[in-house]
Amino acid sequence: NDRASAKGRQREILEKELASEQAGLEKARQALAEQEAVRSGDERNYAKVLERLQPFKDRVETHEKNVEALRRELANIDR
């Protein structure tokens, strides 16, 4: 059945993308944790700390959203 094999290929692609996004999410979380552990002397103002951390938080959030979207797509394949 061509339709079943197309679904299989689609599932395989999505699973690879999901694995890649999950790896990216893990790296982004590690980078954020490392940055949170660092406190430079000129960052007496907490707003400056938050400003420095924001790009790392954004990266984590982007990967989280991608993982969610890919999981939804995988769930929809079988419907």
Protein backbone atom coordinates (compact mmCIF):
# COMPACT_ATOMS: atom_id res chain seq x y z
CA ASN A 1 0.00 0.00 0.00
CA ASP A 2 1.53 3.27 -1.17
CA ARG A 3 -0.33 5.28 1.43
CA ALA A 4 1.02 3.18 4.29
CA SER A 5 4.58 3.46 2.98
CA ALA A 6 4.19 7.23 2.55
CA LYS A 7 3.00 7.46 6.16
CA GLY A 8 5.97 5.33 7.22
CA ARG A 9 8.40 7.64 5.43
CA GLN A 10 6.70 10.69 6.90
CA ARG A 11 6.88 9.17 10.39
CA GLU A 12 10.59 8.35 9.91
CA ILE A 13 11.37 11.94 8.84
CA LEU A 14 9.40 13.40 11.75
CA GLU A 15 11.08 11.06 14.24
CA LYS A 16 14.53 12.12 12.98
CA GLU A 17 13.53 15.79 13.24
CA LEU A 18 12.16 15.16 16.74
CA ALA A 19 15.40 13.48 17.86
CA SER A 20 17.38 16.41 16.44
CA GLU A 21 15.17 18.97 18.20
CA GLN A 22 15.37 17.06 21.48
CA ALA A 23 19.18 17.05 21.23
CA GLY A 24 19.12 20.78 20.47
CA LEU A 25 16.82 21.37 23.43
CA GLU A 26 19.18 19.50 25.74
CA LYS A 27 22.16 21.56 24.50
CA ALA A 28 20.18 24.80 24.86
CA ARG A 29 19.18 23.86 28.43
CA GLN A 30 22.80 23.07 29.31
CA ALA A 31 23.98 26.39 27.84
CA LEU A 32 21.30 28.24 29.82
CA ALA A 33 22.29 26.45 33.03
CA GLU A 34 25.96 27.33 32.44
CA GLN A 35 25.06 30.96 31.84
CA GLU A 36 22.87 31.06 34.96
CA ALA A 37 25.82 29.79 36.99
CA VAL A 38 28.06 32.61 35.72
CA ARG A 39 27.75 35.97 37.39
CA SER A 40 30.18 38.62 36.22
CA GLY A 41 31.13 41.45 38.56
CA ASP A 42 29.55 44.18 36.44
CA GLU A 43 26.13 42.52 36.70
CA ARG A 44 25.11 43.99 40.02
CA ASN A 45 21.79 44.89 38.43
CA TYR A 46 19.60 41.78 38.07
CA ALA A 47 18.00 43.27 34.95
CA LYS A 48 21.40 42.98 33.24
CA VAL A 49 21.59 39.31 34.21
CA LEU A 50 18.11 38.70 32.77
CA GLU A 51 19.05 40.56 29.60
CA ARG A 52 22.14 38.38 29.14
CA LEU A 53 20.17 35.18 29.79
CA GLN A 54 17.26 36.06 27.47
CA PRO A 55 18.78 34.71 24.21
CA PHE A 56 19.52 31.40 25.98
CA LYS A 57 15.95 31.23 27.32
CA ASP A 58 14.61 32.04 23.86
CA ARG A 59 16.61 29.19 22.34
CA VAL A 60 15.24 26.74 24.91
CA GLU A 61 11.69 27.95 24.24
CA THR A 62 12.10 27.62 20.46
CA HIS A 63 13.28 24.01 20.78
CA GLU A 64 10.45 23.22 23.23
CA LYS A 65 7.86 24.56 20.77
CA ASN A 66 9.42 22.59 17.90
CA VAL A 67 9.39 19.37 19.96
CA GLU A 68 5.71 19.91 20.81
CA ALA A 69 4.80 20.60 17.18
CA LEU A 70 6.64 17.50 15.94
CA ARG A 71 4.96 15.33 18.59
CA ARG A 72 1.56 16.65 17.48
CA GLU A 73 2.40 15.90 13.84
CA LEU A 74 3.47 12.37 14.74
CA ALA A 75 0.23 11.83 16.69
CA ASN A 76 -1.79 13.03 13.67
CA ILE A 77 -0.15 10.59 11.24
CA ASP A 78 -2.09 7.66 12.69
CA ARG A 79 -5.46 9.36 12.53
